[in-house]
C-alpha cells in the first residue's frame, strides 16, 4: 500500500534516480539530488528495494539547480538537468568504479574524467519517435508513451532548427513513419531519414558528442602511437564510418575495419579513397560472422579497437583474445558489459593499462569509457 515518508537523498543511481534509505531498504526517487531532504510517496515495494515519487522538497541540496528544459521530467531523454554538472560527472565515475568491481572484480583506478566542454547543444545525432498525429518527441521516463517536443536543448542548434521542416514533411506522409533519425556530420547540414515499423537505421552509428569524439580520437591516436610497432595490423571492429580509425592514417599503418551498417561502411570507404589510403580496408559484414577471417591474421595484429553495441562482444571476446594483439582498446558506455568483457581479457592474459572516462552524454547517467589493455612484455603506456 502507498504511504508517505521523509528521507535524505545520499547518492545517484545508474538510471538517474536519487537514492535514500527507508526502513533499512534502498529507495529510488526520480528527480532528487544528494543532499536533498524530501517527502516521498512509496509506490513500489520489492524484496530488496523501494521506489517512490517525489512529493515535496523539504530542504534542497546545494547541488540542486533549476532544469532549463520545459520537458524535463516528462521526457525520458535527460535524467540530470536538475543536478550540477560537476556532481553529474563525479557520480558517473563513482558508479563506473562500483560496477567494474561488482561485475568484474576490477579494482584498477580510473583516470580523472574528461568533462564535456558543452553540457547542452552537444548532440549531433538523434532518433525521435513519431505519434499517430505526426508529432515528434521521445519516450517518457520508463515508459512507451511518446512525449511530443518542439525543441531539444541537447541537440546541436542545426538539428534543433531542422525539427520544424521535419514536422511539416511528416504531415504530408501517409502512412506516417514511426521514427525519424537525424545527423549532422559537419555541424552545418542535417541529414534525416524516416523509419517505418521493421526498418533499421539508414544513417549508421555516430558518436553523439562532437567535442568528446575528438578527445576519443586523440586518445586512440596516442595509444596506437605509443603501443604499436607500425608493422602490424590494426583491426577496427564495429568501425562505423571509420570515425575512430581513419585518424590513424598518419602513422602509415595497415587497417581492417568491419561493421554491419552498409551506409556507414560506404562513408568509410569514400573517406578512405579521398585520403588515398591503399592500406586501409572497410568491409560491410556482421562482426559476429567474421571469426574465420579475423583468425587468419593471428599473430600479425598490433591493436584491436572495439566499440561494440549494447550487448558487448559476446563470443567475439575469445576470438579477439586469440589474435594475440599487443593492445586492445575497448570503448563502451555500458559499465556492466564493459566489466564482463574486460574481465574476460584479464583471464586471457591481458592487463589493464588505463581506464579513461569521458563524458559523452551530459544531463544523462551515461558515461563513455575507454580501456587500454596489453599483454605482458608489450611496450607500455
Protein backbone atom coordinates (compact mmCIF):
# COMPACT_ATOMS: atom_id res chain seq x y z
CA UNK A 1 0.00 0.00 0.00
CA UNK A 2 1.24 3.51 -0.82
CA UNK A 3 2.41 5.66 2.09
CA UNK A 4 4.40 8.87 2.57
CA UNK A 5 7.87 9.11 4.12
CA UNK A 6 10.58 11.70 4.66
CA UNK A 7 14.08 10.73 3.62
CA UNK A 8 17.52 12.13 2.89
CA UNK A 9 18.99 11.54 -0.54
CA UNK A 10 22.59 10.33 -0.35
CA UNK A 11 23.53 9.13 -3.83
CA UNK A 12 22.65 8.98 -7.54
CA UNK A 13 21.96 5.59 -9.10
CA UNK A 14 22.71 4.29 -12.58
CA UNK A 15 19.50 5.10 -14.37
CA UNK A 16 19.36 8.59 -12.87
CA UNK A 17 17.28 8.22 -9.70
CA UNK A 18 18.31 9.67 -6.36
CA UNK A 19 18.89 7.13 -3.59
CA UNK A 20 17.83 7.24 0.06
CA UNK A 21 17.04 4.65 2.74
CA UNK A 22 13.71 3.79 4.32
CA UNK A 23 13.35 1.07 6.97
CA UNK A 24 16.89 -0.11 6.14
CA UNK A 25 15.91 -0.52 2.49
CA UNK A 26 17.22 1.41 -0.50
CA UNK A 27 14.61 3.72 -2.02
CA UNK A 28 14.92 5.11 -5.58
CA UNK A 29 13.33 8.50 -6.23
CA UNK A 30 13.49 10.26 -9.63
CA UNK A 31 14.45 13.95 -9.86
CA UNK A 32 16.16 14.08 -6.48
CA UNK A 33 19.74 15.15 -5.67
CA UNK A 34 22.23 14.01 -3.00
CA UNK A 35 21.77 16.42 -0.11
CA UNK A 36 18.02 16.81 -0.62
CA UNK A 37 15.60 16.14 2.22
CA UNK A 38 12.34 15.16 0.54
CA UNK A 39 8.82 13.96 1.11
CA UNK A 40 8.18 10.85 -0.97
CA UNK A 41 5.25 8.60 -1.69
CA UNK A 42 6.30 4.94 -1.78
CA UNK A 43 4.74 3.40 -4.90
CA UNK A 44 6.54 0.08 -5.25
CA UNK A 45 7.96 -2.39 -2.74
CA UNK A 46 10.29 -5.16 -3.83
CA UNK A 47 12.20 -7.67 -1.73
CA UNK A 48 15.40 -5.60 -1.69
CA UNK A 49 14.38 -2.05 -2.61
CA UNK A 50 11.60 0.52 -2.79
CA UNK A 51 10.56 3.07 -5.41
CA UNK A 52 8.94 6.39 -4.71
CA UNK A 53 7.58 9.58 -6.25
CA UNK A 54 8.82 12.99 -5.17
CA UNK A 55 6.04 14.99 -3.47
CA UNK A 56 7.89 17.91 -1.85
CA UNK A 57 11.46 19.16 -1.44
CA UNK A 58 11.70 19.97 2.27
CA UNK A 59 15.35 21.07 2.11
CA UNK A 60 17.10 21.37 -1.28
CA UNK A 61 20.64 20.16 -1.88
CA UNK A 62 23.32 22.80 -2.63
CA UNK A 63 23.91 20.79 -5.82
CA UNK A 64 20.30 21.18 -6.99
CA UNK A 65 19.73 23.57 -9.92
CA UNK A 66 16.72 24.61 -11.99
CA UNK A 67 16.29 22.43 -15.08
CA UNK A 68 16.23 24.72 -18.15
CA UNK A 69 14.16 22.40 -20.37
CA UNK A 70 10.34 22.72 -20.15
CA UNK A 71 10.01 18.99 -20.93
CA UNK A 72 12.33 17.79 -18.18
CA UNK A 73 10.61 15.19 -16.02
CA UNK A 74 8.08 14.36 -18.74
CA UNK A 75 10.61 13.43 -21.45
CA UNK A 76 12.87 10.47 -20.71
CA UNK A 77 15.84 11.72 -22.72
CA UNK A 78 17.59 13.53 -19.84
CA UNK A 79 17.69 12.47 -16.20
CA UNK A 80 20.00 15.02 -14.53
CA UNK A 81 19.23 18.55 -15.71
CA UNK A 82 18.45 19.37 -12.06
CA UNK A 83 21.95 18.29 -10.90
CA UNK A 84 25.06 20.48 -11.01
CA UNK A 85 27.31 19.26 -13.81
CA UNK A 86 30.34 18.61 -11.56
CA UNK A 87 28.24 16.23 -9.45
CA UNK A 88 26.92 14.52 -12.57
CA UNK A 89 30.46 13.61 -13.68
CA UNK A 90 31.56 12.62 -10.17
CA UNK A 91 28.55 10.31 -9.76
CA UNK A 92 29.12 8.65 -13.13
CA UNK A 93 32.74 7.81 -12.33
CA UNK A 94 31.84 6.51 -8.87
CA UNK A 95 29.23 4.27 -10.45
CA UNK A 96 31.73 3.06 -13.06
CA UNK A 97 34.16 2.00 -10.33
CA UNK A 98 31.43 0.22 -8.35
CA UNK A 99 30.17 -1.71 -11.38
CA UNK A 100 33.66 -2.67 -12.56
CA UNK A 101 34.29 -4.20 -9.16
CA UNK A 102 30.86 -5.77 -8.71
CA UNK A 103 30.66 -7.32 -12.19
CA UNK A 104 34.33 -8.00 -12.88
CA UNK A 105 36.24 -7.67 -9.58
CA UNK A 106 38.23 -4.92 -11.33
CA UNK A 107 39.90 -2.51 -8.89
CA UNK A 108 42.11 -0.61 -11.33
CA UNK A 109 41.67 3.14 -10.64
CA UNK A 110 40.11 5.22 -13.40
CA UNK A 111 41.94 8.30 -14.66
CA UNK A 112 40.45 11.71 -13.98
CA UNK A 113 37.27 12.02 -16.09
CA UNK A 114 37.25 14.30 -19.12
CA UNK A 115 34.17 16.55 -18.92
CA UNK A 116 32.30 17.79 -21.96
CA UNK A 117 33.11 21.40 -22.88
CA UNK A 118 29.44 21.80 -23.82
CA UNK A 119 26.78 20.50 -21.43
CA UNK A 120 23.89 21.48 -23.72
CA UNK A 121 23.69 21.71 -27.53
CA UNK A 122 26.20 18.86 -27.84
CA UNK A 123 24.28 16.09 -29.66
CA UNK A 124 24.94 15.88 -33.38
CA UNK A 125 22.57 12.98 -33.96
CA UNK A 126 19.30 11.68 -32.58
CA UNK A 127 16.40 9.33 -33.09
CA UNK A 128 12.91 10.64 -32.37
CA UNK A 129 9.54 8.92 -32.13
CA UNK A 130 6.54 9.92 -34.27
CA UNK A 131 2.98 9.85 -32.92
CA UNK A 132 -0.09 8.86 -34.93
CA UNK A 133 -0.86 12.61 -35.16
CA UNK A 134 2.52 13.32 -36.75
CA UNK A 135 4.09 14.87 -33.64
CA UNK A 136 7.75 14.11 -32.89
CA UNK A 137 9.27 13.51 -29.48
CA UNK A 138 10.80 11.00 -27.09
CA UNK A 139 9.55 8.27 -24.78
CA UNK A 140 8.70 9.37 -21.25
CA UNK A 141 10.77 8.06 -18.29
CA UNK A 142 10.49 4.25 -18.13
CA UNK A 143 7.52 4.45 -20.49
CA UNK A 144 6.48 3.76 -24.08
CA UNK A 145 4.36 6.90 -24.05
CA UNK A 146 5.65 9.46 -26.56
CA UNK A 147 6.16 12.99 -25.20
CA UNK A 148 5.93 15.46 -28.13
CA UNK A 149 8.55 18.23 -28.07
CA UNK A 150 9.02 21.40 -30.08
CA UNK A 151 12.72 21.68 -29.27
CA UNK A 152 15.54 19.70 -27.62
CA UNK A 153 18.22 21.52 -25.62
CA UNK A 154 20.85 18.80 -26.00
CA UNK A 155 20.59 18.82 -29.82
CA UNK A 156 23.07 20.99 -31.69
CA UNK A 157 21.37 24.14 -32.99
CA UNK A 158 21.45 22.88 -36.56
CA UNK A 159 19.46 19.76 -35.59
CA UNK A 160 17.01 21.70 -33.45
CA UNK A 161 16.35 24.15 -36.28
CA UNK A 162 15.55 21.24 -38.63
CA UNK A 163 12.68 19.95 -36.47
CA UNK A 164 10.09 22.33 -37.95
CA UNK A 165 10.72 21.20 -41.53
CA UNK A 166 10.71 17.55 -40.40
CA UNK A 167 7.28 18.04 -38.77
CA UNK A 168 5.92 19.64 -41.94
CA UNK A 169 7.18 16.79 -44.09
CA UNK A 170 5.67 14.18 -41.76
CA UNK A 171 2.28 15.92 -42.02
CA UNK A 172 2.29 15.18 -45.77
CA UNK A 173 3.22 11.50 -45.42
CA UNK A 174 0.71 8.64 -45.50
CA UNK A 175 1.28 6.27 -43.89
CA UNK A 176 3.27 8.11 -41.25
CA UNK A 177 6.68 6.84 -40.09
CA UNK A 178 7.21 5.53 -36.58
CA UNK A 179 10.58 7.24 -36.10
CA UNK A 180 12.91 9.81 -37.64
CA UNK A 181 16.69 9.71 -37.30
CA UNK A 182 18.78 12.80 -37.92
CA UNK A 183 22.51 13.51 -38.13
CA UNK A 184 24.75 16.49 -38.70
CA UNK A 185 28.15 15.27 -39.85
CA UNK A 186 29.69 18.72 -40.25
CA UNK A 187 27.67 20.86 -37.83
CA UNK A 188 26.17 22.80 -40.73
CA UNK A 189 23.90 20.49 -42.68
CA UNK A 190 21.36 17.94 -41.45
CA UNK A 191 20.53 14.58 -42.96
CA UNK A 192 17.38 12.81 -41.81
CA UNK A 193 15.55 9.62 -42.70
CA UNK A 194 12.10 8.35 -41.79
CA UNK A 195 11.81 4.85 -40.37
CA UNK A 196 8.73 2.68 -40.64
CA UNK A 197 7.98 -0.37 -38.45
CA UNK A 198 10.57 -3.06 -39.13
CA UNK A 199 13.14 -0.62 -40.59
CA UNK A 200 16.74 -0.49 -39.42
CA UNK A 201 18.89 2.62 -39.12
CA UNK A 202 19.75 4.04 -42.53
CA UNK A 203 22.33 6.57 -41.35
CA UNK A 204 24.54 4.35 -39.18
CA UNK A 205 26.15 4.88 -35.79
CA UNK A 206 27.86 8.17 -34.94
CA UNK A 207 29.42 9.27 -31.65
CA UNK A 208 26.93 11.78 -30.24
CA UNK A 209 29.18 14.49 -28.82
CA UNK A 210 31.37 16.21 -31.42
CA UNK A 211 33.82 17.59 -28.81
CA UNK A 212 34.29 14.42 -26.80
CA UNK A 213 34.53 12.46 -30.05
CA UNK A 214 37.66 14.48 -30.88
CA UNK A 215 39.04 13.70 -27.41
CA UNK A 216 38.38 9.99 -28.01
CA UNK A 217 40.02 10.11 -31.44
CA UNK A 218 43.12 11.73 -29.95
CA UNK A 219 43.20 9.20 -27.10
CA UNK A 220 43.19 6.35 -29.64
CA UNK A 221 45.88 8.04 -31.75
CA UNK A 222 48.16 8.44 -28.74
CA UNK A 223 47.55 4.86 -27.61
CA UNK A 224 48.36 3.39 -31.03
CA UNK A 225 51.40 5.66 -31.37
CA UNK A 226 52.83 4.56 -28.01
CA UNK A 227 51.96 0.86 -28.21
CA UNK A 228 52.04 -0.08 -31.90
CA UNK A 229 55.10 -1.24 -33.81
CA UNK A 230 53.91 0.28 -37.08
CA UNK A 231 54.48 -3.11 -38.76
CA UNK A 232 51.41 -5.00 -37.64
CA UNK A 233 47.73 -4.72 -38.50
CA UNK A 234 45.17 -2.57 -36.67
CA UNK A 235 41.65 -4.03 -36.61
CA UNK A 236 38.66 -1.75 -36.00
CA UNK A 237 35.61 -3.80 -35.02
CA UNK A 238 32.17 -2.15 -35.16
CA UNK A 239 34.00 0.58 -37.05
CA UNK A 240 31.00 2.58 -38.28
CA UNK A 241 32.18 5.18 -40.80
CA UNK A 242 35.81 4.87 -39.72
CA UNK A 243 35.44 7.66 -37.18
CA UNK A 244 37.93 6.15 -34.71
CA UNK A 245 40.42 4.62 -37.15
CA UNK A 246 40.73 6.98 -40.12
CA UNK A 247 42.70 9.48 -37.96
CA UNK A 248 45.37 6.76 -37.61
CA UNK A 249 46.35 7.16 -41.27
CA UNK A 250 49.20 9.50 -40.25
CA UNK A 251 51.09 6.53 -38.77
CA UNK A 252 51.32 4.58 -42.04
CA UNK A 253 49.61 1.52 -40.57
CA UNK A 254 47.58 -1.24 -42.21
CA UNK A 255 43.96 -1.33 -41.10
CA UNK A 256 40.89 -3.55 -41.44
CA UNK A 257 37.51 -2.20 -40.35
CA UNK A 258 34.30 -4.24 -40.07
CA UNK A 259 30.71 -3.11 -39.48
CA UNK A 260 27.17 -4.30 -40.22
CA UNK A 261 25.92 -0.85 -41.32
CA UNK A 262 26.17 -0.54 -45.09
CA UNK A 263 25.64 3.26 -45.13
CA UNK A 264 28.42 3.70 -42.57
CA UNK A 265 30.84 1.47 -44.49
CA UNK A 266 30.08 3.40 -47.68
CA UNK A 267 31.04 6.62 -45.90
CA UNK A 268 34.22 4.99 -44.53
CA UNK A 269 35.25 3.75 -47.97
CA UNK A 270 34.54 7.13 -49.54
CA UNK A 271 36.74 8.87 -46.96
CA UNK A 272 39.45 6.21 -47.40
CA UNK A 273 39.54 6.85 -51.16
CA UNK A 274 39.58 10.62 -50.69
CA UNK A 275 42.60 10.25 -48.43
CA UNK A 276 44.31 7.84 -50.84
CA UNK A 277 44.70 5.12 -48.22
CA UNK A 278 45.59 1.88 -50.01
CA UNK A 279 46.46 0.02 -46.78
CA UNK A 280 43.05 0.70 -45.21
CA UNK A 281 40.06 -1.55 -45.93
CA UNK A 282 36.49 -1.24 -44.63
CA UNK A 283 34.10 -4.14 -45.13
CA UNK A 284 30.33 -4.47 -44.75
CA UNK A 285 29.79 -7.56 -42.62
CA UNK A 286 28.43 -8.63 -39.25
CA UNK A 287 31.36 -8.70 -36.84
CA UNK A 288 29.90 -11.81 -35.18
CA UNK A 289 30.22 -13.67 -38.52
CA UNK A 290 33.85 -12.69 -39.10
CA UNK A 291 35.72 -15.04 -36.78
CA UNK A 292 37.35 -17.14 -39.53
CA UNK A 293 38.53 -14.08 -41.43
CA UNK A 294 39.93 -12.46 -38.30
CA UNK A 295 41.75 -15.58 -37.15
CA UNK A 296 43.70 -15.62 -40.42
CA UNK A 297 45.51 -12.59 -39.01
CA UNK A 298 46.50 -14.35 -35.78
CA UNK A 299 49.93 -13.23 -34.60
CA UNK A 300 50.06 -10.29 -37.03
CA UNK A 301 47.88 -7.79 -35.14
CA UNK A 302 49.24 -4.79 -33.27
CA UNK A 303 46.00 -3.29 -31.97
CA UNK A 304 42.30 -4.16 -31.85
CA UNK A 305 39.87 -1.27 -31.45
CA UNK A 306 36.38 -2.33 -30.44
CA UNK A 307 33.35 -0.15 -29.76
CA UNK A 308 30.61 -2.79 -29.60
CA UNK A 309 26.84 -2.31 -29.34
CA UNK A 310 24.84 -2.60 -26.12
CA UNK A 311 25.26 -6.37 -25.75
CA UNK A 312 29.07 -6.18 -25.84
CA UNK A 313 31.45 -8.57 -27.55
CA UNK A 314 29.75 -11.84 -26.57
CA UNK A 315 31.55 -14.74 -28.36
CA UNK A 316 33.88 -12.34 -30.18
CA UNK A 317 35.87 -11.72 -26.99
CA UNK A 318 37.55 -15.13 -27.31
CA UNK A 319 38.28 -14.51 -31.00
CA UNK A 320 39.88 -11.15 -30.22
CA UNK A 321 41.99 -12.66 -27.43
CA UNK A 322 43.14 -15.41 -29.83
CA UNK A 323 44.57 -12.85 -32.26
CA UNK A 324 47.46 -12.16 -29.90
CA UNK A 325 47.28 -8.38 -30.36
CA UNK A 326 49.74 -6.31 -28.38
CA UNK A 327 46.99 -3.87 -27.40
CA UNK A 328 43.20 -3.96 -27.09
CA UNK A 329 41.35 -0.66 -26.95
CA UNK A 330 37.81 -1.22 -25.69
CA UNK A 331 35.23 1.60 -25.75
CA UNK A 332 31.82 1.35 -24.09
CA UNK A 333 29.06 3.36 -22.43
CA UNK A 334 27.62 0.29 -20.64
CA UNK A 335 29.68 -0.32 -17.45
CA UNK A 336 28.24 -3.77 -16.68
CA UNK A 337 29.02 -5.05 -20.19
CA UNK A 338 32.42 -3.36 -20.10
CA UNK A 339 33.24 -5.14 -16.83
CA UNK A 340 32.30 -8.56 -18.23
CA UNK A 341 34.34 -8.21 -21.41
CA UNK A 342 37.37 -6.65 -19.72
CA UNK A 343 37.36 -9.42 -17.11
CA UNK A 344 37.49 -11.97 -19.95
CA UNK A 345 40.57 -10.28 -21.41
CA UNK A 346 42.21 -10.26 -17.97
CA UNK A 347 41.64 -14.01 -17.72
CA UNK A 348 43.17 -14.39 -21.20
CA UNK A 349 46.47 -12.81 -20.09
CA UNK A 350 45.92 -9.11 -20.72
CA UNK A 351 46.48 -6.37 -18.17
CA UNK A 352 44.72 -3.03 -17.79
CA UNK A 353 46.98 -0.07 -18.58
CA UNK A 354 44.42 2.73 -18.41
CA UNK A 355 40.74 3.37 -17.77
CA UNK A 356 39.73 6.76 -19.17
CA UNK A 357 36.17 8.04 -18.55
CA UNK A 358 34.88 10.72 -20.94
CA UNK A 359 31.53 12.43 -20.52
CA UNK A 360 29.96 11.98 -23.93
CA UNK A 361 26.41 12.47 -22.58
CA UNK A 362 25.87 15.43 -20.19
CA UNK A 363 22.47 15.61 -18.44
CA UNK A 364 22.18 11.80 -18.56
CA UNK A 365 23.60 8.97 -16.44
CA UNK A 366 25.58 7.54 -19.40
CA UNK A 367 29.39 7.66 -19.47
CA UNK A 368 31.79 6.75 -22.28
CA UNK A 369 34.83 4.81 -21.09
CA UNK A 370 37.96 3.74 -22.95
CA UNK A 371 40.03 0.88 -21.52
CA UNK A 372 43.56 0.10 -22.74
CA UNK A 373 44.73 -3.50 -22.25
CA UNK A 374 48.05 -5.06 -23.24
CA UNK A 375 49.88 -8.35 -22.84
CA UNK A 376 52.88 -8.76 -20.57
CA UNK A 377 56.05 -7.86 -22.41
CA UNK A 378 54.39 -5.32 -24.70
CA UNK A 379 55.60 -1.73 -24.63
CA UNK A 380 53.55 0.05 -22.00
CA UNK A 381 51.98 3.47 -21.79
